[in-house]
């Protein structure tokens, strides 16, 4: 007999919360570029809930704040990057830099323990 799938009562679109540049970059890329307005986001995370044999899901809310543009050198190239902050308690805040086209360039957690950044960038056409 197949195992029943866990179900969450979710309404509306949710983003997967994962420490991936592509996932966090896509969340930031849909945020408002108005510095005075935080963009609410609904997030879902996979967790084990203390059990090594069962995978569960948790849903929570966060917000993305546009902090403005910042000069950033990534992969030997200068970018006038858009900088965002993702606040999603109980997790640490993330700073996210994206290109104007929405490509995730760098991530930094608020405690500055982990920084992820693009290593190579080849553009084969205009966006």
PDB file of N, CA and C in Angstrom:
ATOM      1  N   UNK A   1       0.851  -1.178   0.000  1.00  0.00           N
ATOM      2  CA  UNK A   1       0.000   0.000   0.000  1.00  0.00           C
ATOM      3  C   UNK A   1       0.895   1.239   0.000  1.00  0.00           C
ATOM      4  N   UNK A   2       0.658   2.205  -0.911  1.00  0.00           N
ATOM      5  CA  UNK A   2       1.500   3.394  -0.961  1.00  0.00           C
ATOM      6  C   UNK A   2       1.291   4.274   0.270  1.00  0.00           C
ATOM      7  N   UNK A   3       2.359   4.981   0.641  1.00  0.00           N
ATOM      8  CA  UNK A   3       2.278   5.910   1.776  1.00  0.00           C
ATOM      9  C   UNK A   3       1.467   7.138   1.385  1.00  0.00           C
ATOM     10  N   UNK A   4       0.638   7.641   2.286  1.00  0.00           N
ATOM     11  CA  UNK A   4      -0.099   8.872   1.960  1.00  0.00           C
ATOM     12  C   UNK A   4       0.871  10.045   1.866  1.00  0.00           C
ATOM     13  N   UNK A   5       0.594  10.944   0.945  1.00  0.00           N
ATOM     14  CA  UNK A   5       1.440  12.131   0.778  1.00  0.00           C
ATOM     15  C   UNK A   5       1.052  13.176   1.810  1.00  0.00           C
ATOM     16  N   UNK A   6       2.056  13.839   2.391  1.00  0.00           N
ATOM     17  CA  UNK A   6       1.710  14.905   3.328  1.00  0.00           C
ATOM     18  C   UNK A   6       1.029  16.051   2.586  1.00  0.00           C
ATOM     19  N   UNK A   7       0.078  16.668   3.218  1.00  0.00           N
ATOM     20  CA  UNK A   7      -0.661  17.763   2.594  1.00  0.00           C
ATOM     21  C   UNK A   7      -0.589  18.990   3.493  1.00  0.00           C
ATOM     22  N   UNK A   8      -0.436  20.121   2.853  1.00  0.00           N
ATOM     23  CA  UNK A   8      -0.484  21.402   3.545  1.00  0.00           C
ATOM     24  C   UNK A   8      -1.659  22.179   2.990  1.00  0.00           C
ATOM     25  N   UNK A   9      -2.335  22.889   3.844  1.00  0.00           N
ATOM     26  CA  UNK A   9      -3.435  23.740   3.385  1.00  0.00           C
ATOM     27  C   UNK A   9      -2.838  25.043   2.870  1.00  0.00           C
ATOM     28  N   UNK A  10      -2.450  25.050   1.612  1.00  0.00           N
ATOM     29  CA  UNK A  10      -1.808  26.222   1.017  1.00  0.00           C
ATOM     30  C   UNK A  10      -2.771  26.909   0.065  1.00  0.00           C
ATOM     31  N   UNK A  11      -2.794  28.220   0.152  1.00  0.00           N
ATOM     32  CA  UNK A  11      -3.571  29.000  -0.804  1.00  0.00           C
ATOM     33  C   UNK A  11      -2.646  30.030  -1.422  1.00  0.00           C
ATOM     34  N   UNK A  12      -2.729  30.173  -2.705  1.00  0.00           N
ATOM     35  CA  UNK A  12      -1.878  31.132  -3.397  1.00  0.00           C
ATOM     36  C   UNK A  12      -0.515  30.544  -3.685  1.00  0.00           C
ATOM     37  N   UNK A  13       0.307  31.271  -4.415  1.00  0.00           N
ATOM     38  CA  UNK A  13       1.640  30.760  -4.761  1.00  0.00           C
ATOM     39  C   UNK A  13       2.603  30.801  -3.572  1.00  0.00           C
ATOM     40  N   UNK A  14       3.396  29.771  -3.460  1.00  0.00           N
ATOM     41  CA  UNK A  14       4.443  29.671  -2.447  1.00  0.00           C
ATOM     42  C   UNK A  14       5.770  29.473  -3.148  1.00  0.00           C
ATOM     43  N   UNK A  15       6.833  29.992  -2.552  1.00  0.00           N
ATOM     44  CA  UNK A  15       8.187  29.767  -3.037  1.00  0.00           C
ATOM     45  C   UNK A  15       8.869  28.767  -2.120  1.00  0.00           C
ATOM     46  N   UNK A  16       9.696  27.924  -2.693  1.00  0.00           N
ATOM     47  CA  UNK A  16      10.502  27.004  -1.906  1.00  0.00           C
ATOM     48  C   UNK A  16      11.612  27.796  -1.232  1.00  0.00           C
ATOM     49  N   UNK A  17      11.765  27.629   0.076  1.00  0.00           N
ATOM     50  CA  UNK A  17      12.844  28.292   0.802  1.00  0.00           C
ATOM     51  C   UNK A  17      14.013  27.324   0.865  1.00  0.00           C
ATOM     52  N   UNK A  18      15.088  27.686   0.194  1.00  0.00           N
ATOM     53  CA  UNK A  18      16.268  26.840   0.106  1.00  0.00           C
ATOM     54  C   UNK A  18      17.460  27.770  -0.090  1.00  0.00           C
ATOM     55  N   UNK A  19      18.598  27.393   0.433  1.00  0.00           N
ATOM     56  CA  UNK A  19      19.781  28.249   0.345  1.00  0.00           C
ATOM     57  C   UNK A  19      20.455  28.100  -1.013  1.00  0.00           C
ATOM     58  N   UNK A  20      19.697  28.267  -2.048  1.00  0.00           N
ATOM     59  CA  UNK A  20      20.182  28.144  -3.411  1.00  0.00           C
ATOM     60  C   UNK A  20      20.144  29.517  -4.068  1.00  0.00           C
ATOM     61  N   UNK A  21      21.203  29.894  -4.783  1.00  0.00           N
ATOM     62  CA  UNK A  21      21.182  31.191  -5.472  1.00  0.00           C
ATOM     63  C   UNK A  21      20.033  31.312  -6.459  1.00  0.00           C
ATOM     64  N   UNK A  22      19.703  30.235  -7.149  1.00  0.00           N
ATOM     65  CA  UNK A  22      18.630  30.308  -8.136  1.00  0.00           C
ATOM     66  C   UNK A  22      17.283  30.518  -7.456  1.00  0.00           C
ATOM     67  N   UNK A  23      17.056  29.811  -6.362  1.00  0.00           N
ATOM     68  CA  UNK A  23      15.765  29.924  -5.682  1.00  0.00           C
ATOM     69  C   UNK A  23      15.638  31.264  -4.976  1.00  0.00           C
ATOM     70  N   UNK A  24      16.632  31.653  -4.179  1.00  0.00           N
ATOM     71  CA  UNK A  24      16.539  32.936  -3.484  1.00  0.00           C
ATOM     72  C   UNK A  24      16.592  34.096  -4.471  1.00  0.00           C
ATOM     73  N   UNK A  25      17.352  33.946  -5.548  1.00  0.00           N
ATOM     74  CA  UNK A  25      17.404  34.988  -6.578  1.00  0.00           C
ATOM     75  C   UNK A  25      16.072  35.184  -7.266  1.00  0.00           C
ATOM     76  N   UNK A  26      15.349  34.076  -7.493  1.00  0.00           N
ATOM     77  CA  UNK A  26      14.042  34.205  -8.153  1.00  0.00           C
ATOM     78  C   UNK A  26      13.023  34.854  -7.225  1.00  0.00           C
ATOM     79  N   UNK A  27      13.133  34.607  -5.930  1.00  0.00           N
ATOM     80  CA  UNK A  27      12.250  35.271  -4.962  1.00  0.00           C
ATOM     81  C   UNK A  27      12.509  36.772  -4.983  1.00  0.00           C
ATOM     82  N   UNK A  28      13.777  37.167  -4.965  1.00  0.00           N
ATOM     83  CA  UNK A  28      14.126  38.586  -4.991  1.00  0.00           C
ATOM     84  C   UNK A  28      13.722  39.233  -6.307  1.00  0.00           C
ATOM     85  N   UNK A  29      13.846  38.496  -7.397  1.00  0.00           N
ATOM     86  CA  UNK A  29      13.555  39.045  -8.714  1.00  0.00           C
ATOM     87  C   UNK A  29      12.103  39.439  -8.917  1.00  0.00           C
ATOM     88  N   UNK A  30      11.214  38.901  -8.104  1.00  0.00           N
ATOM     89  CA  UNK A  30       9.799  39.250  -8.218  1.00  0.00           C
ATOM     90  C   UNK A  30       9.380  40.335  -7.229  1.00  0.00           C
ATOM     91  N   UNK A  31      10.322  40.825  -6.432  1.00  0.00           N
ATOM     92  CA  UNK A  31       9.994  41.834  -5.418  1.00  0.00           C
ATOM     93  C   UNK A  31       9.854  43.218  -6.035  1.00  0.00           C
ATOM     94  N   UNK A  32       9.157  44.059  -5.331  1.00  0.00           N
ATOM     95  CA  UNK A  32       8.992  45.453  -5.744  1.00  0.00           C
ATOM     96  C   UNK A  32      10.334  46.172  -5.688  1.00  0.00           C
ATOM     97  N   UNK A  33      10.552  47.088  -6.624  1.00  0.00           N
ATOM     98  CA  UNK A  33      11.771  47.898  -6.616  1.00  0.00           C
ATOM     99  C   UNK A  33      11.535  49.231  -5.916  1.00  0.00           C
ATOM    100  N   UNK A  34      10.496  49.307  -5.117  1.00  0.00           N
ATOM    101  CA  UNK A  34      10.186  50.484  -4.316  1.00  0.00           C
ATOM    102  C   UNK A  34      10.818  50.287  -2.939  1.00  0.00           C
ATOM    103  N   UNK A  35      11.808  51.123  -2.600  1.00  0.00           N
ATOM    104  CA  UNK A  35      12.516  50.959  -1.321  1.00  0.00           C
ATOM    105  C   UNK A  35      11.611  51.116  -0.109  1.00  0.00           C
ATOM    106  N   UNK A  36      10.521  51.837  -0.267  1.00  0.00           N
ATOM    107  CA  UNK A  36       9.625  52.088   0.865  1.00  0.00           C
ATOM    108  C   UNK A  36       8.618  50.962   1.071  1.00  0.00           C
ATOM    109  N   UNK A  37       8.631  49.964   0.201  1.00  0.00           N
ATOM    110  CA  UNK A  37       7.612  48.922   0.256  1.00  0.00           C
ATOM    111  C   UNK A  37       8.252  47.541   0.313  1.00  0.00           C
ATOM    112  N   UNK A  38       7.982  46.809   1.389  1.00  0.00           N
ATOM    113  CA  UNK A  38       8.437  45.422   1.484  1.00  0.00           C
ATOM    114  C   UNK A  38       7.457  44.535   0.727  1.00  0.00           C
ATOM    115  N   UNK A  39       7.976  43.549   0.017  1.00  0.00           N
ATOM    116  CA  UNK A  39       7.142  42.609  -0.735  1.00  0.00           C
ATOM    117  C   UNK A  39       6.924  41.347   0.094  1.00  0.00           C
ATOM    118  N   UNK A  40       5.671  41.036   0.445  1.00  0.00           N
ATOM    119  CA  UNK A  40       5.433  39.810   1.210  1.00  0.00           C
ATOM    120  C   UNK A  40       5.619  38.580   0.330  1.00  0.00           C
ATOM    121  N   UNK A  41       6.146  37.514   0.916  1.00  0.00           N
ATOM    122  CA  UNK A  41       6.311  36.244   0.215  1.00  0.00           C
ATOM    123  C   UNK A  41       5.822  35.122   1.119  1.00  0.00           C
ATOM    124  N   UNK A  42       5.250  34.121   0.494  1.00  0.00           N
ATOM    125  CA  UNK A  42       4.847  32.909   1.201  1.00  0.00           C
ATOM    126  C   UNK A  42       5.881  31.845   0.863  1.00  0.00           C
ATOM    127  N   UNK A  43       6.386  31.192   1.887  1.00  0.00           N
ATOM    128  CA  UNK A  43       7.481  30.244   1.698  1.00  0.00           C
ATOM    129  C   UNK A  43       7.124  28.884   2.262  1.00  0.00           C
ATOM    130  N   UNK A  44       7.697  27.867   1.667  1.00  0.00           N
ATOM    131  CA  UNK A  44       7.549  26.505   2.164  1.00  0.00           C
ATOM    132  C   UNK A  44       8.944  25.896   2.235  1.00  0.00           C
ATOM    133  N   UNK A  45       9.183  25.115   3.281  1.00  0.00           N
ATOM    134  CA  UNK A  45      10.490  24.478   3.468  1.00  0.00           C
ATOM    135  C   UNK A  45      10.267  23.002   3.769  1.00  0.00           C
ATOM    136  N   UNK A  46      11.184  22.195   3.279  1.00  0.00           N
ATOM    137  CA  UNK A  46      11.168  20.772   3.606  1.00  0.00           C
ATOM    138  C   UNK A  46      12.042  20.587   4.837  1.00  0.00           C
ATOM    139  N   UNK A  47      11.544  19.799   5.799  1.00  0.00           N
ATOM    140  CA  UNK A  47      12.373  19.505   6.964  1.00  0.00           C
ATOM    141  C   UNK A  47      12.037  18.117   7.483  1.00  0.00           C
ATOM    142  N   UNK A  48      12.875  17.652   8.344  1.00  0.00           N
ATOM    143  CA  UNK A  48      12.676  16.300   8.882  1.00  0.00           C
ATOM    144  C   UNK A  48      11.919  16.326  10.200  1.00  0.00           C
ATOM    145  N   UNK A  49      11.746  17.487  10.770  1.00  0.00           N
ATOM    146  CA  UNK A  49      10.977  17.586  12.015  1.00  0.00           C
ATOM    147  C   UNK A  49      11.497  16.696  13.125  1.00  0.00           C
ATOM    148  N   UNK A  50      12.804  16.507  13.206  1.00  0.00           N
ATOM    149  CA  UNK A  50      13.383  15.668  14.247  1.00  0.00           C
ATOM    150  C   UNK A  50      13.437  14.192  13.910  1.00  0.00           C
ATOM    151  N   UNK A  51      12.893  13.792  12.785  1.00  0.00           N
ATOM    152  CA  UNK A  51      12.869  12.382  12.397  1.00  0.00           C
ATOM    153  C   UNK A  51      13.757  12.180  11.180  1.00  0.00           C
ATOM    154  N   UNK A  52      14.624  11.170  11.248  1.00  0.00           N
ATOM    155  CA  UNK A  52      15.493  10.874  10.107  1.00  0.00           C
ATOM    156  C   UNK A  52      14.762  10.103   9.015  1.00  0.00           C
ATOM    157  N   UNK A  53      13.615   9.538   9.343  1.00  0.00           N
ATOM    158  CA  UNK A  53      12.936   8.704   8.362  1.00  0.00           C
ATOM    159  C   UNK A  53      11.752   9.383   7.674  1.00  0.00           C
ATOM    160  N   UNK A  54      11.316  10.521   8.186  1.00  0.00           N
ATOM    161  CA  UNK A  54      10.165  11.191   7.582  1.00  0.00           C
ATOM    162  C   UNK A  54      10.523  12.610   7.185  1.00  0.00           C
ATOM    163  N   UNK A  55      10.092  12.980   6.012  1.00  0.00           N
ATOM    164  CA  UNK A  55      10.294  14.328   5.511  1.00  0.00           C
ATOM    165  C   UNK A  55       8.978  15.072   5.636  1.00  0.00           C
ATOM    166  N   UNK A  56       9.036  16.257   6.209  1.00  0.00           N
ATOM    167  CA  UNK A  56       7.829  17.053   6.378  1.00  0.00           C
ATOM    168  C   UNK A  56       7.971  18.387   5.676  1.00  0.00           C
ATOM    169  N   UNK A  57       6.935  19.175   5.730  1.00  0.00           N
ATOM    170  CA  UNK A  57       6.926  20.488   5.113  1.00  0.00           C
ATOM    171  C   UNK A  57       6.427  21.504   6.126  1.00  0.00           C
ATOM    172  N   UNK A  58       6.968  22.681   6.038  1.00  0.00           N
ATOM    173  CA  UNK A  58       6.505  23.772   6.870  1.00  0.00           C
ATOM    174  C   UNK A  58       6.273  24.991   6.010  1.00  0.00           C
ATOM    175  N   UNK A  59       5.237  25.741   6.317  1.00  0.00           N
ATOM    176  CA  UNK A  59       4.930  26.962   5.571  1.00  0.00           C
ATOM    177  C   UNK A  59       5.067  28.158   6.501  1.00  0.00           C
ATOM    178  N   UNK A  60       5.581  29.247   5.981  1.00  0.00           N
ATOM    179  CA  UNK A  60       5.748  30.468   6.770  1.00  0.00           C
ATOM    180  C   UNK A  60       5.804  31.653   5.822  1.00  0.00           C
ATOM    181  N   UNK A  61       5.792  32.833   6.384  1.00  0.00           N
ATOM    182  CA  UNK A  61       5.803  34.042   5.572  1.00  0.00           C
ATOM    183  C   UNK A  61       7.084  34.827   5.800  1.00  0.00           C
ATOM    184  N   UNK A  62       7.441  35.594   4.805  1.00  0.00           N
ATOM    185  CA  UNK A  62       8.604  36.456   4.888  1.00  0.00           C
ATOM    186  C   UNK A  62       8.344  37.731   4.106  1.00  0.00           C
ATOM    187  N   UNK A  63       9.388  38.517   3.957  1.00  0.00           N
ATOM    188  CA  UNK A  63       9.265  39.727   3.149  1.00  0.00           C
ATOM    189  C   UNK A  63      10.602  40.037   2.509  1.00  0.00           C
ATOM    190  N   UNK A  64      10.531  40.628   1.326  1.00  0.00           N
ATOM    191  CA  UNK A  64      11.723  41.013   0.583  1.00  0.00           C
ATOM    192  C   UNK A  64      11.749  42.537   0.515  1.00  0.00           C
ATOM    193  N   UNK A  65      12.890  43.111   0.840  1.00  0.00           N
ATOM    194  CA  UNK A  65      13.046  44.562   0.846  1.00  0.00           C
ATOM    195  C   UNK A  65      14.125  44.924  -0.171  1.00  0.00           C
ATOM    196  N   UNK A  66      13.775  45.824  -1.070  1.00  0.00           N
ATOM    197  CA  UNK A  66      14.737  46.319  -2.056  1.00  0.00           C
ATOM    198  C   UNK A  66      15.594  47.380  -1.375  1.00  0.00           C
ATOM    199  N   UNK A  67      16.917  47.194  -1.404  1.00  0.00           N
ATOM    200  CA  UNK A  67      17.839  48.112  -0.732  1.00  0.00           C
ATOM    201  C   UNK A  67      18.511  49.089  -1.683  1.00  0.00           C
ATOM    202  N   UNK A  68      18.295  48.945  -2.979  1.00  0.00           N
ATOM    203  CA  UNK A  68      18.889  49.855  -3.953  1.00  0.00           C
ATOM    204  C   UNK A  68      19.918  49.149  -4.814  1.00  0.00           C
ATOM    205  N   UNK A  69      20.674  49.954  -5.561  1.00  0.00           N
ATOM    206  CA  UNK A  69      21.706  49.409  -6.447  1.00  0.00           C
ATOM    207  C   UNK A  69      23.076  49.552  -5.803  1.00  0.00           C
ATOM    208  N   UNK A  70      23.945  48.622  -6.155  1.00  0.00           N
ATOM    209  CA  UNK A  70      25.290  48.601  -5.579  1.00  0.00           C
ATOM    210  C   UNK A  70      26.260  48.077  -6.624  1.00  0.00           C
ATOM    211  N   UNK A  71      27.424  48.724  -6.733  1.00  0.00           N
ATOM    212  CA  UNK A  71      28.460  48.240  -7.651  1.00  0.00           C
ATOM    213  C   UNK A  71      29.042  46.946  -7.090  1.00  0.00           C
ATOM    214  N   UNK A  72      29.164  45.945  -7.951  1.00  0.00           N
ATOM    215  CA  UNK A  72      29.618  44.631  -7.521  1.00  0.00           C
ATOM    216  C   UNK A  72      30.474  44.026  -8.621  1.00  0.00           C
ATOM    217  N   UNK A  73      31.626  43.491  -8.248  1.00  0.00           N
ATOM    218  CA  UNK A  73      32.478  42.794  -9.202  1.00  0.00           C
ATOM    219  C   UNK A  73      32.316  41.298  -8.976  1.00  0.00           C
ATOM    220  N   UNK A  74      31.805  40.627  -9.984  1.00  0.00           N
ATOM    221  CA  UNK A  74      31.572  39.182  -9.921  1.00  0.00           C
ATOM    222  C   UNK A  74      32.151  38.570 -11.180  1.00  0.00           C
ATOM    223  N   UNK A  75      32.927  37.515 -11.013  1.00  0.00           N
ATOM    224  CA  UNK A  75      33.523  36.786 -12.133  1.00  0.00           C
ATOM    225  C   UNK A  75      34.286  37.732 -13.059  1.00  0.00           C
ATOM    226  N   UNK A  76      34.973  38.717 -12.464  1.00  0.00           N
ATOM    227  CA  UNK A  76      35.795  39.647 -13.234  1.00  0.00           C
ATOM    228  C   UNK A  76      35.012  40.686 -14.021  1.00  0.00           C
ATOM    229  N   UNK A  77      33.729  40.785 -13.747  1.00  0.00           N
ATOM    230  CA  UNK A  77      32.890  41.728 -14.480  1.00  0.00           C
ATOM    231  C   UNK A  77      32.179  42.665 -13.497  1.00  0.00           C
ATOM    232  N   UNK A  78      32.094  43.935 -13.865  1.00  0.00           N
ATOM    233  CA  UNK A  78      31.412  44.925 -13.028  1.00  0.00           C
ATOM    234  C   UNK A  78      29.910  44.882 -13.298  1.00  0.00           C
ATOM    235  N   UNK A  79      29.135  44.861 -12.232  1.00  0.00           N
ATOM    236  CA  UNK A  79      27.684  44.906 -12.336  1.00  0.00           C
ATOM    237  C   UNK A  79      27.156  46.049 -11.486  1.00  0.00           C
ATOM    238  N   UNK A  80      26.142  46.713 -11.963  1.00  0.00           N
ATOM    239  CA  UNK A  80      25.377  47.641 -11.149  1.00  0.00           C
ATOM    240  C   UNK A  80      24.213  46.804 -10.627  1.00  0.00           C
ATOM    241  N   UNK A  81      24.470  46.091  -9.537  1.00  0.00           N
ATOM    242  CA  UNK A  81      23.558  45.056  -9.057  1.00  0.00           C
ATOM    243  C   UNK A  81      22.424  45.629  -8.214  1.00  0.00           C
ATOM    244  N   UNK A  82      21.306  44.938  -8.252  1.00  0.00           N
ATOM    245  CA  UNK A  82      20.200  45.244  -7.361  1.00  0.00           C
ATOM    246  C   UNK A  82      20.397  44.449  -6.079  1.00  0.00           C
ATOM    247  N   UNK A  83      20.251  45.120  -4.954  1.00  0.00           N
ATOM    248  CA  UNK A  83      20.458  44.462  -3.668  1.00  0.00           C
ATOM    249  C   UNK A  83      19.126  44.351  -2.925  1.00  0.00           C
ATOM    250  N   UNK A  84      18.846  43.148  -2.421  1.00  0.00           N
ATOM    251  CA  UNK A  84      17.615  42.863  -1.692  1.00  0.00           C
ATOM    252  C   UNK A  84      17.963  42.231  -0.353  1.00  0.00           C
ATOM    253  N   UNK A  85      17.028  42.320   0.575  1.00  0.00           N
ATOM    254  CA  UNK A  85      17.139  41.598   1.838  1.00  0.00           C
ATOM    255  C   UNK A  85      15.899  40.733   1.990  1.00  0.00           C
ATOM    256  N   UNK A  86      16.097  39.448   2.254  1.00  0.00           N
ATOM    257  CA  UNK A  86      14.999  38.518   2.500  1.00  0.00           C
ATOM    258  C   UNK A  86      14.940  38.258   3.997  1.00  0.00           C
ATOM    259  N   UNK A  87      13.818  38.609   4.587  1.00  0.00           N
ATOM    260  CA  UNK A  87      13.589  38.366   6.015  1.00  0.00           C
ATOM    261  C   UNK A  87      12.545  37.276   6.126  1.00  0.00           C
ATOM    262  N   UNK A  88      12.917  36.174   6.743  1.00  0.00           N
ATOM    263  CA  UNK A  88      12.013  35.026   6.856  1.00  0.00           C
ATOM    264  C   UNK A  88      12.273  34.331   8.188  1.00  0.00           C
ATOM    265  N   UNK A  89      11.702  34.894   9.246  1.00  0.00           N
ATOM    266  CA  UNK A  89      11.908  34.306  10.577  1.00  0.00           C
ATOM    267  C   UNK A  89      11.310  32.915  10.626  1.00  0.00           C
ATOM    268  N   UNK A  90      11.949  31.991  11.277  1.00  0.00           N
ATOM    269  CA  UNK A  90      13.022  32.084  12.248  1.00  0.00           C
ATOM    270  C   UNK A  90      14.421  31.946  11.641  1.00  0.00           C
ATOM    271  N   UNK A  91      14.526  32.045  10.325  1.00  0.00           N
ATOM    272  CA  UNK A  91      15.803  31.861   9.656  1.00  0.00           C
ATOM    273  C   UNK A  91      16.577  33.170   9.591  1.00  0.00           C
ATOM    274  N   UNK A  92      17.904  33.090   9.435  1.00  0.00           N
ATOM    275  CA  UNK A  92      18.690  34.320   9.290  1.00  0.00           C
ATOM    276  C   UNK A  92      18.275  35.078   8.026  1.00  0.00           C
ATOM    277  N   UNK A  93      18.427  36.387   8.077  1.00  0.00           N
ATOM    278  CA  UNK A  93      18.164  37.212   6.902  1.00  0.00           C
ATOM    279  C   UNK A  93      19.225  36.923   5.842  1.00  0.00           C
ATOM    280  N   UNK A  94      18.841  37.104   4.581  1.00  0.00           N
ATOM    281  CA  UNK A  94      19.758  36.934   3.456  1.00  0.00           C
ATOM    282  C   UNK A  94      19.833  38.229   2.669  1.00  0.00           C
ATOM    283  N   UNK A  95      21.028  38.606   2.271  1.00  0.00           N
ATOM    284  CA  UNK A  95      21.224  39.685   1.318  1.00  0.00           C
ATOM    285  C   UNK A  95      21.436  39.025  -0.040  1.00  0.00           C
ATOM    286  N   UNK A  96      20.746  39.535  -1.033  1.00  0.00           N
ATOM    287  CA  UNK A  96      20.752  38.923  -2.369  1.00  0.00           C
ATOM    288  C   UNK A  96      21.043  40.008  -3.390  1.00  0.00           C
ATOM    289  N   UNK A  97      22.053  39.784  -4.227  1.00  0.00           N
ATOM    290  CA  UNK A  97      22.372  40.708  -5.311  1.00  0.00           C
ATOM    291  C   UNK A  97      21.994  40.031  -6.619  1.00  0.00           C
ATOM    292  N   UNK A  98      21.271  40.755  -7.469  1.00  0.00           N
ATOM    293  CA  UNK A  98      20.902  40.234  -8.778  1.00  0.00           C
ATOM    294  C   UNK A  98      21.283  41.245  -9.851  1.00  0.00           C
ATOM    295  N   UNK A  99      21.451  40.745 -11.066  1.00  0.00           N
ATOM    296  CA  UNK A  99      21.631  41.645 -12.198  1.00  0.00           C
ATOM    297  C   UNK A  99      20.266  42.250 -12.522  1.00  0.00           C
ATOM    298  N   UNK A 100      20.250  43.259 -13.356  1.00  0.00           N
ATOM    299  CA  UNK A 100      18.971  43.856 -13.754  1.00  0.00           C
ATOM    300  C   UNK A 100      18.106  42.855 -14.512  1.00  0.00           C
ATOM    301  N   UNK A 101      18.736  41.859 -15.113  1.00  0.00           N
ATOM    302  CA  UNK A 101      18.002  40.820 -15.833  1.00  0.00           C
ATOM    303  C   UNK A 101      17.475  39.730 -14.899  1.00  0.00           C
ATOM    304  N   UNK A 102      17.835  39.793 -13.615  1.00  0.00           N
ATOM    305  CA  UNK A 102      17.334  38.836 -12.638  1.00  0.00           C
ATOM    306  C   UNK A 102      18.254  37.676 -12.326  1.00  0.00           C
ATOM    307  N   UNK A 103      19.483  37.713 -12.812  1.00  0.00           N
ATOM    308  CA  UNK A 103      20.432  36.634 -12.535  1.00  0.00           C
ATOM    309  C   UNK A 103      21.004  36.818 -11.129  1.00  0.00           C
ATOM    310  N   UNK A 104      20.950  35.773 -10.308  1.00  0.00           N
ATOM    311  CA  UNK A 104      21.513  35.845  -8.961  1.00  0.00           C
ATOM    312  C   UNK A 104      23.031  35.937  -9.062  1.00  0.00           C
ATOM    313  N   UNK A 105      23.608  37.010  -8.520  1.00  0.00           N
ATOM    314  CA  UNK A 105      25.047  37.225  -8.578  1.00  0.00           C
ATOM    315  C   UNK A 105      25.746  36.815  -7.287  1.00  0.00           C
ATOM    316  N   UNK A 106      25.120  37.096  -6.140  1.00  0.00           N
ATOM    317  CA  UNK A 106      25.733  36.766  -4.857  1.00  0.00           C
ATOM    318  C   UNK A 106      24.674  36.691  -3.773  1.00  0.00           C
ATOM    319  N   UNK A 107      24.967  35.907  -2.728  1.00  0.00           N
ATOM    320  CA  UNK A 107      24.132  35.785  -1.535  1.00  0.00           C
ATOM    321  C   UNK A 107      25.033  35.910  -0.320  1.00  0.00           C
ATOM    322  N   UNK A 108      24.512  36.506   0.736  1.00  0.00           N
ATOM    323  CA  UNK A 108      25.260  36.617   1.992  1.00  0.00           C
ATOM    324  C   UNK A 108      24.268  36.521   3.131  1.00  0.00           C
ATOM    325  N   UNK A 109      24.526  35.625   4.103  1.00  0.00           N
ATOM    326  CA  UNK A 109      23.627  35.558   5.250  1.00  0.00           C
ATOM    327  C   UNK A 109      23.949  36.694   6.213  1.00  0.00           C
ATOM    328  N   UNK A 110      22.983  37.064   7.052  1.00  0.00           N
ATOM    329  CA  UNK A 110      23.129  38.231   7.915  1.00  0.00           C
ATOM    330  C   UNK A 110      24.295  38.096   8.896  1.00  0.00           C
ATOM    331  N   UNK A 111      24.654  36.883   9.275  1.00  0.00           N
ATOM    332  CA  UNK A 111      25.753  36.681  10.206  1.00  0.00           C
ATOM    333  C   UNK A 111      27.099  36.612   9.491  1.00  0.00           C
ATOM    334  N   UNK A 112      27.060  36.760   8.173  1.00  0.00           N
ATOM    335  CA  UNK A 112      28.253  36.764   7.326  1.00  0.00           C
ATOM    336  C   UNK A 112      29.082  35.499   7.503  1.00  0.00           C
ATOM    337  N   UNK A 113      28.387  34.368   7.693  1.00  0.00           N
ATOM    338  CA  UNK A 113      29.076  33.082   7.798  1.00  0.00           C
ATOM    339  C   UNK A 113      29.190  32.405   6.449  1.00  0.00           C
ATOM    340  N   UNK A 114      28.250  32.739   5.551  1.00  0.00           N
ATOM    341  CA  UNK A 114      28.251  32.074   4.256  1.00  0.00           C
ATOM    342  C   UNK A 114      27.997  33.102   3.154  1.00  0.00           C
ATOM    343  N   UNK A 115      28.889  33.121   2.166  1.00  0.00           N
ATOM    344  CA  UNK A 115      28.701  33.956   0.983  1.00  0.00           C
ATOM    345  C   UNK A 115      28.815  33.046  -0.228  1.00  0.00           C
ATOM    346  N   UNK A 116      27.842  33.136  -1.092  1.00  0.00           N
ATOM    347  CA  UNK A 116      27.847  32.399  -2.344  1.00  0.00           C
ATOM    348  C   UNK A 116      27.864  33.427  -3.457  1.00  0.00           C
ATOM    349  N   UNK A 117      28.702  33.201  -4.465  1.00  0.00           N
ATOM    350  CA  UNK A 117      28.687  34.128  -5.592  1.00  0.00           C
ATOM    351  C   UNK A 117      28.978  33.401  -6.891  1.00  0.00           C
ATOM    352  N   UNK A 118      28.515  34.011  -7.963  1.00  0.00           N
ATOM    353  CA  UNK A 118      28.703  33.493  -9.304  1.00  0.00           C
ATOM    354  C   UNK A 118      30.199  33.450  -9.623  1.00  0.00           C
ATOM    355  N   UNK A 119      30.666  32.351 -10.166  1.00  0.00           N
ATOM    356  CA  UNK A 119      32.090  32.218 -10.482  1.00  0.00           C
ATOM    357  C   UNK A 119      32.415  32.556 -11.924  1.00  0.00           C
ATOM    358  N   UNK A 120      31.499  32.241 -12.828  1.00  0.00           N
ATOM    359  CA  UNK A 120      31.717  32.533 -14.246  1.00  0.00           C
ATOM    360  C   UNK A 120      30.454  33.145 -14.812  1.00  0.00           C
ATOM    361  N   UNK A 121      30.646  34.031 -15.762  1.00  0.00           N
ATOM    362  CA  UNK A 121      29.503  34.663 -16.408  1.00  0.00           C
ATOM    363  C   UNK A 121      29.819  34.822 -17.882  1.00  0.00           C
ATOM    364  N   UNK A 122      29.068  34.135 -18.725  1.00  0.00           N
ATOM    365  CA  UNK A 122      29.182  34.274 -20.183  1.00  0.00           C
ATOM    366  C   UNK A 122      27.832  34.669 -20.711  1.00  0.00           C
ATOM    367  N   UNK A 123      27.790  35.771 -21.419  1.00  0.00           N
ATOM    368  CA  UNK A 123      26.539  36.209 -22.011  1.00  0.00           C
ATOM    369  C   UNK A 123      26.631  35.980 -23.522  1.00  0.00           C
ATOM    370  N   UNK A 124      25.725  35.173 -24.039  1.00  0.00           N
ATOM    371  CA  UNK A 124      25.762  34.791 -25.438  1.00  0.00           C
ATOM    372  C   UNK A 124      24.757  35.559 -26.297  1.00  0.00           C
ATOM    373  N   UNK A 125      24.026  36.450 -25.683  1.00  0.00           N
ATOM    374  CA  UNK A 125      23.058  37.262 -26.407  1.00  0.00           C
ATOM    375  C   UNK A 125      22.480  38.298 -25.472  1.00  0.00           C
ATOM    376  N   UNK A 126      21.739  39.217 -26.028  1.00  0.00           N
ATOM    377  CA  UNK A 126      21.123  40.224 -25.173  1.00  0.00           C
ATOM    378  C   UNK A 126      19.796  39.698 -24.648  1.00  0.00           C
ATOM    379  N   UNK A 127      19.437  40.159 -23.484  1.00  0.00           N
ATOM    380  CA  UNK A 127      18.167  39.724 -22.860  1.00  0.00           C
ATOM    381  C   UNK A 127      17.047  40.552 -23.427  1.00  0.00           C
TER     382      UNK A 127
END
